[in-house]
Amino acid sequence: MGKIEKILLCGIGAVGLTFASKFQKYSPDCIKVLVDEKRLKRYKQKPLRLNGEEKFFDYILPSNTDYKPDLIIISTKMDGLESVLENLKNFVDEKTFIMPIINGITAENIVVEKYGRERTVGGYFIGHSAMRVNNEVVHDGVGKIVFSSCEPIAEFFSRAGIDFEIPQDFQYAKWVKFGLNIISNQTSCILKMTFGDMQKSKEFHKFARNILREIVELAHAEGVLGWENLENDVIKSLDLMSADGRTSMLQDIEAGKKTELDIFAGTVIKLGKKHGIPTPYNQTLYEMIRILEEL
């Protein structure tokens, strides 16, 4: 496995913009950002801003055939994954790693189906939430990429000053993040709660544990090792979040955007049907958030 020197970033939302800026600070020549022609025109006319500072990147179109990155990081939302994977066909060769850092528990398998297990590195982002309004993102930079073991990526992130973690059991860690999203993202967009509100409320904790018990049963059925610790580990993760942080789903609802509901409660409901496990809490959350999306 060769040394990683060239990065292609797909998805320049709050998380993508934060890491694109960190990579660029390390080495302006190491990163390109994949965009379509519409976004390219928009970003040239009105540059993205991070913490009040305009950001200019080396943007590249899907039609380009001259760039072969060592690592592709996908930080889109889940509903953009399929189109991104199609747009990557000119950039992937035998030495390219592809790492999706997308919410949910299904993105890694979708990448594997398209480009193979040998190229795919499972990953996700965890950290303080960002605030995004139009083309401006405010983020304190606290967060890390968690991924399954891959020595060249770990070496590059260390060199570039990127915070990362390689858990002993990545699949279990991914389910902890999934559980955190299930109890915080979904409830917050209905209840309008910050992480601090959730952390302080005893009634919320009781409600969250009821939701989590559905996730624990599904994790057990899916063969996730350590499933019996999942409920408490998710609550511990919740208590580590920035108190004034607002979840991405709450921000989506307030901005009138479609949420990531399908990869949260939608996935839980599908897995429940697969294993014959009732998921009434997630079913109710699903139906309520669909109503909010219509307003």
C-alpha atoms as a PDB file:
ATOM      1  CA  MET A   1       0.000   0.000   0.000  1.00  0.00           C
ATOM      2  CA  GLY A   2       1.439   3.317  -1.103  1.00  0.00           C
ATOM      3  CA  LYS A   3       1.729   6.614   0.701  1.00  0.00           C
ATOM      4  CA  ILE A   4      -1.278   8.918   0.508  1.00  0.00           C
ATOM      5  CA  GLU A   5      -0.551  12.313  -1.009  1.00  0.00           C
ATOM      6  CA  LYS A   6      -3.628  13.253  -3.054  1.00  0.00           C
ATOM      7  CA  ILE A   7      -7.195  13.650  -1.743  1.00  0.00           C
ATOM      8  CA  LEU A   8     -10.513  14.045  -3.531  1.00  0.00           C
ATOM      9  CA  LEU A   9     -13.326  15.344  -1.338  1.00  0.00           C
ATOM     10  CA  CYS A  10     -16.937  14.787  -2.383  1.00  0.00           C
ATOM     11  CA  GLY A  11     -19.453  16.859  -0.427  1.00  0.00           C
ATOM     12  CA  ILE A  12     -18.653  20.344   0.813  1.00  0.00           C
ATOM     13  CA  GLY A  13     -21.350  20.726   3.453  1.00  0.00           C
ATOM     14  CA  ALA A  14     -20.592  21.548   7.070  1.00  0.00           C
ATOM     15  CA  VAL A  15     -18.409  18.495   7.756  1.00  0.00           C
ATOM     16  CA  GLY A  16     -16.806  18.475   4.306  1.00  0.00           C
ATOM     17  CA  LEU A  17     -15.943  22.172   4.437  1.00  0.00           C
ATOM     18  CA  THR A  18     -14.356  21.807   7.867  1.00  0.00           C
ATOM     19  CA  PHE A  19     -12.061  18.985   6.755  1.00  0.00           C
ATOM     20  CA  ALA A  20     -11.352  20.485   3.330  1.00  0.00           C
ATOM     21  CA  SER A  21     -10.018  23.555   5.132  1.00  0.00           C
ATOM     22  CA  LYS A  22      -7.826  21.409   7.385  1.00  0.00           C
ATOM     23  CA  PHE A  23      -6.388  19.483   4.432  1.00  0.00           C
ATOM     24  CA  GLN A  24      -5.796  22.712   2.526  1.00  0.00           C
ATOM     25  CA  LYS A  25      -4.008  24.245   5.509  1.00  0.00           C
ATOM     26  CA  TYR A  26      -1.718  21.218   5.631  1.00  0.00           C
ATOM     27  CA  SER A  27      -0.961  21.342   1.898  1.00  0.00           C
ATOM     28  CA  PRO A  28      -2.936  23.337  -0.707  1.00  0.00           C
ATOM     29  CA  ASP A  29      -1.795  20.924  -3.414  1.00  0.00           C
ATOM     30  CA  CYS A  30      -3.028  17.766  -1.694  1.00  0.00           C
ATOM     31  CA  ILE A  31      -6.786  18.295  -2.121  1.00  0.00           C
ATOM     32  CA  LYS A  32      -9.330  18.751  -4.866  1.00  0.00           C
ATOM     33  CA  VAL A  33     -13.100  19.066  -4.353  1.00  0.00           C
ATOM     34  CA  LEU A  34     -15.509  17.306  -6.712  1.00  0.00           C
ATOM     35  CA  VAL A  35     -18.477  19.444  -7.814  1.00  0.00           C
ATOM     36  CA  ASP A  36     -20.925  19.617 -10.687  1.00  0.00           C
ATOM     37  CA  GLU A  37     -21.026  22.591 -13.069  1.00  0.00           C
ATOM     38  CA  LYS A  38     -23.938  24.234 -11.227  1.00  0.00           C
ATOM     39  CA  ARG A  39     -22.117  24.210  -7.902  1.00  0.00           C
ATOM     40  CA  LEU A  40     -18.850  25.288  -9.521  1.00  0.00           C
ATOM     41  CA  LYS A  41     -20.527  28.386 -10.909  1.00  0.00           C
ATOM     42  CA  ARG A  42     -22.233  29.112  -7.588  1.00  0.00           C
ATOM     43  CA  TYR A  43     -19.071  28.739  -5.504  1.00  0.00           C
ATOM     44  CA  LYS A  44     -17.108  30.980  -7.877  1.00  0.00           C
ATOM     45  CA  GLN A  45     -19.765  33.685  -7.682  1.00  0.00           C
ATOM     46  CA  LYS A  46     -20.300  33.336  -3.933  1.00  0.00           C
ATOM     47  CA  PRO A  47     -17.458  31.519  -2.169  1.00  0.00           C
ATOM     48  CA  LEU A  48     -18.133  29.287   0.805  1.00  0.00           C
ATOM     49  CA  ARG A  49     -17.328  30.775   4.199  1.00  0.00           C
ATOM     50  CA  LEU A  50     -16.063  29.021   7.313  1.00  0.00           C
ATOM     51  CA  ASN A  51     -16.194  30.994  10.560  1.00  0.00           C
ATOM     52  CA  GLY A  52     -16.476  34.213   8.558  1.00  0.00           C
ATOM     53  CA  GLU A  53     -13.550  33.509   6.233  1.00  0.00           C
ATOM     54  CA  GLU A  54     -14.023  32.949   2.496  1.00  0.00           C
ATOM     55  CA  LYS A  55     -12.727  29.591   1.298  1.00  0.00           C
ATOM     56  CA  PHE A  56     -11.409  28.880  -2.189  1.00  0.00           C
ATOM     57  CA  PHE A  57     -10.642  25.331  -3.275  1.00  0.00           C
ATOM     58  CA  ASP A  58      -9.332  23.561  -6.348  1.00  0.00           C
ATOM     59  CA  TYR A  59     -12.662  22.365  -7.713  1.00  0.00           C
ATOM     60  CA  ILE A  60     -12.818  19.539 -10.248  1.00  0.00           C
ATOM     61  CA  LEU A  61     -15.658  18.313 -12.475  1.00  0.00           C
ATOM     62  CA  PRO A  62     -16.749  14.661 -12.879  1.00  0.00           C
ATOM     63  CA  SER A  63     -15.672  14.754 -16.532  1.00  0.00           C
ATOM     64  CA  ASN A  64     -11.999  15.231 -15.599  1.00  0.00           C
ATOM     65  CA  THR A  65      -9.824  12.213 -16.460  1.00  0.00           C
ATOM     66  CA  ASP A  66      -6.389  13.440 -15.338  1.00  0.00           C
ATOM     67  CA  TYR A  67      -6.639  13.181 -11.549  1.00  0.00           C
ATOM     68  CA  LYS A  68      -6.153   9.891  -9.700  1.00  0.00           C
ATOM     69  CA  PRO A  69      -6.372  10.487  -5.937  1.00  0.00           C
ATOM     70  CA  ASP A  70      -4.979   8.131  -3.334  1.00  0.00           C
ATOM     71  CA  LEU A  71      -7.965   8.716  -1.047  1.00  0.00           C
ATOM     72  CA  ILE A  72     -11.540   9.748  -1.818  1.00  0.00           C
ATOM     73  CA  ILE A  73     -13.560  11.029   1.132  1.00  0.00           C
ATOM     74  CA  ILE A  74     -17.332  11.169   0.638  1.00  0.00           C
ATOM     75  CA  SER A  75     -19.036  13.624   3.013  1.00  0.00           C
ATOM     76  CA  THR A  76     -22.332  14.160   1.212  1.00  0.00           C
ATOM     77  CA  LYS A  77     -25.686  13.352   2.725  1.00  0.00           C
ATOM     78  CA  MET A  78     -26.934   9.847   2.081  1.00  0.00           C
ATOM     79  CA  ASP A  79     -29.322  10.892  -0.682  1.00  0.00           C
ATOM     80  CA  GLY A  80     -26.348  12.129  -2.710  1.00  0.00           C
ATOM     81  CA  LEU A  81     -24.254   8.969  -2.403  1.00  0.00           C
ATOM     82  CA  GLU A  82     -25.445   7.137  -5.513  1.00  0.00           C
ATOM     83  CA  SER A  83     -24.787  10.099  -7.822  1.00  0.00           C
ATOM     84  CA  VAL A  84     -21.376  10.685  -6.236  1.00  0.00           C
ATOM     85  CA  LEU A  85     -20.382   7.052  -6.788  1.00  0.00           C
ATOM     86  CA  GLU A  86     -21.335   7.363 -10.440  1.00  0.00           C
ATOM     87  CA  ASN A  87     -19.316  10.592 -10.730  1.00  0.00           C
ATOM     88  CA  LEU A  88     -16.224   8.890  -9.304  1.00  0.00           C
ATOM     89  CA  LYS A  89     -15.679   6.498 -12.197  1.00  0.00           C
ATOM     90  CA  ASN A  90     -12.954   8.655 -13.790  1.00  0.00           C
ATOM     91  CA  PHE A  91     -11.003   8.991 -10.537  1.00  0.00           C
ATOM     92  CA  VAL A  92     -10.744   5.468  -9.146  1.00  0.00           C
ATOM     93  CA  ASP A  93      -7.832   3.196  -9.955  1.00  0.00           C
ATOM     94  CA  GLU A  94      -6.233   0.160  -8.338  1.00  0.00           C
ATOM     95  CA  LYS A  95      -4.557   2.163  -5.541  1.00  0.00           C
ATOM     96  CA  THR A  96      -7.508   4.373  -4.551  1.00  0.00           C
ATOM     97  CA  PHE A  97      -9.136   4.129  -1.125  1.00  0.00           C
ATOM     98  CA  ILE A  98     -12.749   5.319  -0.767  1.00  0.00           C
ATOM     99  CA  MET A  99     -14.007   6.378   2.652  1.00  0.00           C
ATOM    100  CA  PRO A 100     -17.632   7.460   3.177  1.00  0.00           C
ATOM    101  CA  ILE A 101     -18.092   9.520   6.353  1.00  0.00           C
ATOM    102  CA  ILE A 102     -21.870   9.564   6.056  1.00  0.00           C
ATOM    103  CA  ASN A 103     -24.473   9.200   8.793  1.00  0.00           C
ATOM    104  CA  GLY A 104     -26.275   5.880   9.148  1.00  0.00           C
ATOM    105  CA  ILE A 105     -25.045   2.299   8.900  1.00  0.00           C
ATOM    106  CA  THR A 106     -25.544   1.498   5.204  1.00  0.00           C
ATOM    107  CA  ALA A 107     -23.178   3.761   3.215  1.00  0.00           C
ATOM    108  CA  GLU A 108     -20.149   1.485   3.530  1.00  0.00           C
ATOM    109  CA  ASN A 109     -22.000  -1.477   2.011  1.00  0.00           C
ATOM    110  CA  ILE A 110     -23.240   0.646  -0.894  1.00  0.00           C
ATOM    111  CA  VAL A 111     -19.668   1.723  -1.700  1.00  0.00           C
ATOM    112  CA  VAL A 112     -18.498  -1.898  -1.441  1.00  0.00           C
ATOM    113  CA  GLU A 113     -21.154  -2.989  -3.939  1.00  0.00           C
ATOM    114  CA  LYS A 114     -19.961  -0.350  -6.423  1.00  0.00           C
ATOM    115  CA  TYR A 115     -16.186  -0.395  -6.013  1.00  0.00           C
ATOM    116  CA  GLY A 116     -15.308  -3.486  -3.960  1.00  0.00           C
ATOM    117  CA  ARG A 117     -14.284  -4.282  -0.412  1.00  0.00           C
ATOM    118  CA  GLU A 118     -10.553  -3.894  -1.104  1.00  0.00           C
ATOM    119  CA  ARG A 119     -10.973  -0.174  -1.863  1.00  0.00           C
ATOM    120  CA  THR A 120     -13.593   0.686   0.772  1.00  0.00           C
ATOM    121  CA  VAL A 121     -12.757   1.970   4.248  1.00  0.00           C
ATOM    122  CA  GLY A 122     -15.715   2.415   6.593  1.00  0.00           C
ATOM    123  CA  GLY A 123     -15.804   5.735   8.420  1.00  0.00           C
ATOM    124  CA  TYR A 124     -17.886   8.401  10.105  1.00  0.00           C
ATOM    125  CA  PHE A 125     -17.516  11.829  11.693  1.00  0.00           C
ATOM    126  CA  ILE A 126     -18.226  12.517  15.328  1.00  0.00           C
ATOM    127  CA  GLY A 127     -17.811  15.824  17.100  1.00  0.00           C
ATOM    128  CA  HIS A 128     -19.456  19.113  17.869  1.00  0.00           C
ATOM    129  CA  SER A 129     -22.276  20.090  15.539  1.00  0.00           C
ATOM    130  CA  ALA A 130     -21.863  22.863  12.994  1.00  0.00           C
ATOM    131  CA  MET A 131     -24.245  25.675  12.148  1.00  0.00           C
ATOM    132  CA  ARG A 132     -24.861  26.252   8.433  1.00  0.00           C
ATOM    133  CA  VAL A 133     -26.862  29.029   6.823  1.00  0.00           C
ATOM    134  CA  ASN A 134     -26.754  29.107   3.013  1.00  0.00           C
ATOM    135  CA  ASN A 135     -23.031  29.158   2.080  1.00  0.00           C
ATOM    136  CA  GLU A 136     -21.696  29.932   5.566  1.00  0.00           C
ATOM    137  CA  VAL A 137     -20.610  27.397   8.184  1.00  0.00           C
ATOM    138  CA  VAL A 138     -19.684  28.066  11.796  1.00  0.00           C
ATOM    139  CA  HIS A 139     -17.780  25.273  13.514  1.00  0.00           C
ATOM    140  CA  ASP A 140     -15.301  25.154  16.386  1.00  0.00           C
ATOM    141  CA  GLY A 141     -13.202  22.452  14.711  1.00  0.00           C
ATOM    142  CA  VAL A 142     -13.819  19.889  17.454  1.00  0.00           C
ATOM    143  CA  GLY A 143     -14.401  16.514  15.849  1.00  0.00           C
ATOM    144  CA  LYS A 144     -12.682  13.490  14.416  1.00  0.00           C
ATOM    145  CA  ILE A 145     -12.968  10.911  11.687  1.00  0.00           C
ATOM    146  CA  VAL A 146     -13.494   7.405  13.029  1.00  0.00           C
ATOM    147  CA  PHE A 147     -12.597   4.627  10.613  1.00  0.00           C
ATOM    148  CA  SER A 148     -11.747   0.970  10.289  1.00  0.00           C
ATOM    149  CA  SER A 149      -8.062   0.123  10.294  1.00  0.00           C
ATOM    150  CA  CYS A 150      -6.049   1.384   7.313  1.00  0.00           C
ATOM    151  CA  GLU A 151      -2.384   2.185   7.913  1.00  0.00           C
ATOM    152  CA  PRO A 152      -1.809   4.556   4.952  1.00  0.00           C
ATOM    153  CA  ILE A 153      -4.805   6.694   5.940  1.00  0.00           C
ATOM    154  CA  ALA A 154      -3.752   6.783   9.591  1.00  0.00           C
ATOM    155  CA  GLU A 155      -0.248   7.841   8.562  1.00  0.00           C
ATOM    156  CA  PHE A 156      -1.598  10.603   6.320  1.00  0.00           C
ATOM    157  CA  PHE A 157      -4.063  11.926   8.894  1.00  0.00           C
ATOM    158  CA  SER A 158      -1.275  12.018  11.477  1.00  0.00           C
ATOM    159  CA  ARG A 159       0.925  13.942   9.068  1.00  0.00           C
ATOM    160  CA  ALA A 160      -1.870  16.356   8.149  1.00  0.00           C
ATOM    161  CA  GLY A 161      -2.941  16.996  11.752  1.00  0.00           C
ATOM    162  CA  ILE A 162      -6.394  15.427  11.332  1.00  0.00           C
ATOM    163  CA  ASP A 163      -7.959  14.078  14.525  1.00  0.00           C
ATOM    164  CA  PHE A 164      -8.949  10.451  14.053  1.00  0.00           C
ATOM    165  CA  GLU A 165      -9.718   7.247  15.899  1.00  0.00           C
ATOM    166  CA  ILE A 166      -9.482   3.595  14.911  1.00  0.00           C
ATOM    167  CA  PRO A 167     -11.728   1.692  17.344  1.00  0.00           C
ATOM    168  CA  GLN A 168     -11.029  -1.886  18.277  1.00  0.00           C
ATOM    169  CA  ASP A 169     -14.445  -2.867  16.875  1.00  0.00           C
ATOM    170  CA  PHE A 170     -15.474  -0.456  14.133  1.00  0.00           C
ATOM    171  CA  GLN A 171     -18.885  -2.033  13.523  1.00  0.00           C
ATOM    172  CA  TYR A 172     -19.835  -1.626  17.181  1.00  0.00           C
ATOM    173  CA  ALA A 173     -18.572   1.967  17.192  1.00  0.00           C
ATOM    174  CA  LYS A 174     -20.659   2.669  14.082  1.00  0.00           C
ATOM    175  CA  TRP A 175     -23.783   1.392  15.843  1.00  0.00           C
ATOM    176  CA  VAL A 176     -23.047   3.655  18.828  1.00  0.00           C
ATOM    177  CA  LYS A 177     -22.948   6.648  16.447  1.00  0.00           C
ATOM    178  CA  PHE A 178     -26.119   5.354  14.778  1.00  0.00           C
ATOM    179  CA  GLY A 179     -27.873   5.142  18.145  1.00  0.00           C
ATOM    180  CA  LEU A 180     -26.735   8.676  19.015  1.00  0.00           C
ATOM    181  CA  ASN A 181     -28.213   9.985  15.776  1.00  0.00           C
ATOM    182  CA  ILE A 182     -31.438   8.070  16.351  1.00  0.00           C
ATOM    183  CA  ILE A 183     -32.067   9.586  19.783  1.00  0.00           C
ATOM    184  CA  SER A 184     -30.742  13.094  19.161  1.00  0.00           C
ATOM    185  CA  ASN A 185     -31.327  14.064  15.536  1.00  0.00           C
ATOM    186  CA  GLN A 186     -34.859  12.753  15.302  1.00  0.00           C
ATOM    187  CA  THR A 187     -36.174  13.925  18.648  1.00  0.00           C
ATOM    188  CA  SER A 188     -34.531  17.351  18.450  1.00  0.00           C
ATOM    189  CA  CYS A 189     -36.268  18.340  15.233  1.00  0.00           C
ATOM    190  CA  ILE A 190     -39.624  17.631  16.887  1.00  0.00           C
ATOM    191  CA  LEU A 191     -38.850  18.953  20.366  1.00  0.00           C
ATOM    192  CA  LYS A 192     -36.518  21.813  19.254  1.00  0.00           C
ATOM    193  CA  MET A 193     -33.898  20.784  21.811  1.00  0.00           C
ATOM    194  CA  THR A 194     -30.190  21.526  21.899  1.00  0.00           C
ATOM    195  CA  PHE A 195     -27.790  18.852  23.119  1.00  0.00           C
ATOM    196  CA  GLY A 196     -27.683  20.690  26.428  1.00  0.00           C
ATOM    197  CA  ASP A 197     -31.465  20.458  26.737  1.00  0.00           C
ATOM    198  CA  MET A 198     -31.255  16.717  26.149  1.00  0.00           C
ATOM    199  CA  GLN A 199     -28.429  16.255  28.617  1.00  0.00           C
ATOM    200  CA  LYS A 200     -30.259  18.060  31.430  1.00  0.00           C
ATOM    201  CA  SER A 201     -33.684  16.491  31.003  1.00  0.00           C
ATOM    202  CA  LYS A 202     -34.403  13.355  33.054  1.00  0.00           C
ATOM    203  CA  GLU A 203     -37.601  12.786  31.077  1.00  0.00           C
ATOM    204  CA  PHE A 204     -35.663  12.979  27.823  1.00  0.00           C
ATOM    205  CA  HIS A 205     -33.215  10.357  29.087  1.00  0.00           C
ATOM    206  CA  LYS A 206     -36.109   7.994  29.876  1.00  0.00           C
ATOM    207  CA  PHE A 207     -37.570   8.610  26.427  1.00  0.00           C
ATOM    208  CA  ALA A 208     -34.173   8.133  24.728  1.00  0.00           C
ATOM    209  CA  ARG A 209     -33.614   4.800  26.470  1.00  0.00           C
ATOM    210  CA  ASN A 210     -37.016   3.557  25.269  1.00  0.00           C
ATOM    211  CA  ILE A 211     -36.002   4.439  21.708  1.00  0.00           C
ATOM    212  CA  LEU A 212     -32.594   2.848  22.179  1.00  0.00           C
ATOM    213  CA  ARG A 213     -33.990  -0.475  23.282  1.00  0.00           C
ATOM    214  CA  GLU A 214     -35.271  -0.950  19.739  1.00  0.00           C
ATOM    215  CA  ILE A 215     -31.736  -0.299  18.432  1.00  0.00           C
ATOM    216  CA  VAL A 216     -30.215  -2.718  20.942  1.00  0.00           C
ATOM    217  CA  GLU A 217     -32.557  -5.521  19.864  1.00  0.00           C
ATOM    218  CA  LEU A 218     -31.713  -4.894  16.217  1.00  0.00           C
ATOM    219  CA  ALA A 219     -27.977  -4.794  16.898  1.00  0.00           C
ATOM    220  CA  HIS A 220     -28.290  -8.158  18.664  1.00  0.00           C
ATOM    221  CA  ALA A 221     -30.223  -9.591  15.719  1.00  0.00           C
ATOM    222  CA  GLU A 222     -27.637  -8.208  13.266  1.00  0.00           C
ATOM    223  CA  GLY A 223     -24.832  -9.942  15.147  1.00  0.00           C
ATOM    224  CA  VAL A 224     -23.148  -6.800  16.491  1.00  0.00           C
ATOM    225  CA  LEU A 225     -20.691  -7.828  19.185  1.00  0.00           C
ATOM    226  CA  GLY A 226     -21.111  -5.968  22.467  1.00  0.00           C
ATOM    227  CA  TRP A 227     -24.742  -5.115  21.771  1.00  0.00           C
ATOM    228  CA  GLU A 228     -25.547  -5.442  25.491  1.00  0.00           C
ATOM    229  CA  ASN A 229     -23.408  -2.315  26.171  1.00  0.00           C
ATOM    230  CA  LEU A 230     -24.923  -0.245  23.401  1.00  0.00           C
ATOM    231  CA  GLU A 231     -27.622   1.590  25.375  1.00  0.00           C
ATOM    232  CA  ASN A 232     -25.262   2.960  28.016  1.00  0.00           C
ATOM    233  CA  ASP A 233     -22.510   3.777  25.517  1.00  0.00           C
ATOM    234  CA  VAL A 234     -24.901   5.843  23.393  1.00  0.00           C
ATOM    235  CA  ILE A 235     -26.031   7.831  26.445  1.00  0.00           C
ATOM    236  CA  LYS A 236     -22.379   8.441  27.342  1.00  0.00           C
ATOM    237  CA  SER A 237     -21.793   9.752  23.805  1.00  0.00           C
ATOM    238  CA  LEU A 238     -24.772  12.086  24.137  1.00  0.00           C
ATOM    239  CA  ASP A 239     -23.326  13.577  27.316  1.00  0.00           C
ATOM    240  CA  LEU A 240     -20.059  14.387  25.483  1.00  0.00           C
ATOM    241  CA  MET A 241     -21.724  16.614  22.887  1.00  0.00           C
ATOM    242  CA  SER A 242     -21.414  20.390  23.027  1.00  0.00           C
ATOM    243  CA  ALA A 243     -24.294  21.704  25.153  1.00  0.00           C
ATOM    244  CA  ASP A 244     -25.200  24.526  22.757  1.00  0.00           C
ATOM    245  CA  GLY A 245     -25.015  22.295  19.694  1.00  0.00           C
ATOM    246  CA  ARG A 246     -28.041  21.841  17.416  1.00  0.00           C
ATOM    247  CA  THR A 247     -28.445  18.679  15.375  1.00  0.00           C
ATOM    248  CA  SER A 248     -28.339  18.671  11.594  1.00  0.00           C
ATOM    249  CA  MET A 249     -31.938  17.415  11.392  1.00  0.00           C
ATOM    250  CA  LEU A 250     -33.195  20.301  13.516  1.00  0.00           C
ATOM    251  CA  GLN A 251     -31.328  22.704  11.234  1.00  0.00           C
ATOM    252  CA  ASP A 252     -32.796  20.972   8.155  1.00  0.00           C
ATOM    253  CA  ILE A 253     -36.355  21.282   9.476  1.00  0.00           C
ATOM    254  CA  GLU A 254     -35.857  24.953  10.328  1.00  0.00           C
ATOM    255  CA  ALA A 255     -34.420  25.583   6.846  1.00  0.00           C
ATOM    256  CA  GLY A 256     -37.300  23.749   5.135  1.00  0.00           C
ATOM    257  CA  LYS A 257     -35.037  20.989   3.822  1.00  0.00           C
ATOM    258  CA  LYS A 258     -35.611  17.267   3.566  1.00  0.00           C
ATOM    259  CA  THR A 259     -34.021  15.451   6.502  1.00  0.00           C
ATOM    260  CA  GLU A 260     -31.991  12.237   6.723  1.00  0.00           C
ATOM    261  CA  LEU A 261     -34.984  10.455   8.242  1.00  0.00           C
ATOM    262  CA  ASP A 262     -34.794   7.498   5.865  1.00  0.00           C
ATOM    263  CA  ILE A 263     -31.309   6.481   7.034  1.00  0.00           C
ATOM    264  CA  PHE A 264     -32.313   6.755  10.693  1.00  0.00           C
ATOM    265  CA  ALA A 265     -35.877   5.664  11.576  1.00  0.00           C
ATOM    266  CA  GLY A 266     -36.334   4.401   8.015  1.00  0.00           C
ATOM    267  CA  THR A 267     -33.432   1.974   8.444  1.00  0.00           C
ATOM    268  CA  VAL A 268     -34.663   0.913  11.898  1.00  0.00           C
ATOM    269  CA  ILE A 269     -38.136   0.159  10.545  1.00  0.00           C
ATOM    270  CA  LYS A 270     -36.711  -1.918   7.671  1.00  0.00           C
ATOM    271  CA  LEU A 271     -34.469  -3.900   9.995  1.00  0.00           C
ATOM    272  CA  GLY A 272     -37.374  -4.398  12.372  1.00  0.00           C
ATOM    273  CA  LYS A 273     -39.422  -5.944   9.587  1.00  0.00           C
ATOM    274  CA  LYS A 274     -36.467  -8.079   8.533  1.00  0.00           C
ATOM    275  CA  HIS A 275     -36.055  -9.555  12.016  1.00  0.00           C
ATOM    276  CA  GLY A 276     -39.666  -9.448  13.199  1.00  0.00           C
ATOM    277  CA  ILE A 277     -38.814  -6.887  15.902  1.00  0.00           C
ATOM    278  CA  PRO A 278     -41.412  -4.188  16.709  1.00  0.00           C
ATOM    279  CA  THR A 279     -40.115  -0.613  16.393  1.00  0.00           C
ATOM    280  CA  PRO A 280     -43.052   1.565  17.554  1.00  0.00           C
ATOM    281  CA  TYR A 281     -40.936   4.472  18.839  1.00  0.00           C
ATOM    282  CA  ASN A 282     -39.086   4.870  15.560  1.00  0.00           C
ATOM    283  CA  GLN A 283     -42.284   4.346  13.581  1.00  0.00           C
ATOM    284  CA  THR A 284     -43.903   7.214  15.469  1.00  0.00           C
ATOM    285  CA  LEU A 285     -40.853   9.461  15.040  1.00  0.00           C
ATOM    286  CA  TYR A 286     -40.822   8.643  11.328  1.00  0.00           C
ATOM    287  CA  GLU A 287     -44.455   9.627  10.846  1.00  0.00           C
ATOM    288  CA  MET A 288     -44.142  12.827  12.891  1.00  0.00           C
ATOM    289  CA  ILE A 289     -41.031  14.037  11.049  1.00  0.00           C
ATOM    290  CA  ARG A 290     -42.628  13.308   7.679  1.00  0.00           C
ATOM    291  CA  ILE A 291     -45.430  15.679   8.756  1.00  0.00           C
ATOM    292  CA  LEU A 292     -42.875  18.360   9.684  1.00  0.00           C
ATOM    293  CA  GLU A 293     -41.196  17.987   6.297  1.00  0.00           C
ATOM    294  CA  GLU A 294     -44.510  18.803   4.593  1.00  0.00           C
ATOM    295  CA  LEU A 295     -45.055  22.060   6.477  1.00  0.00           C
END
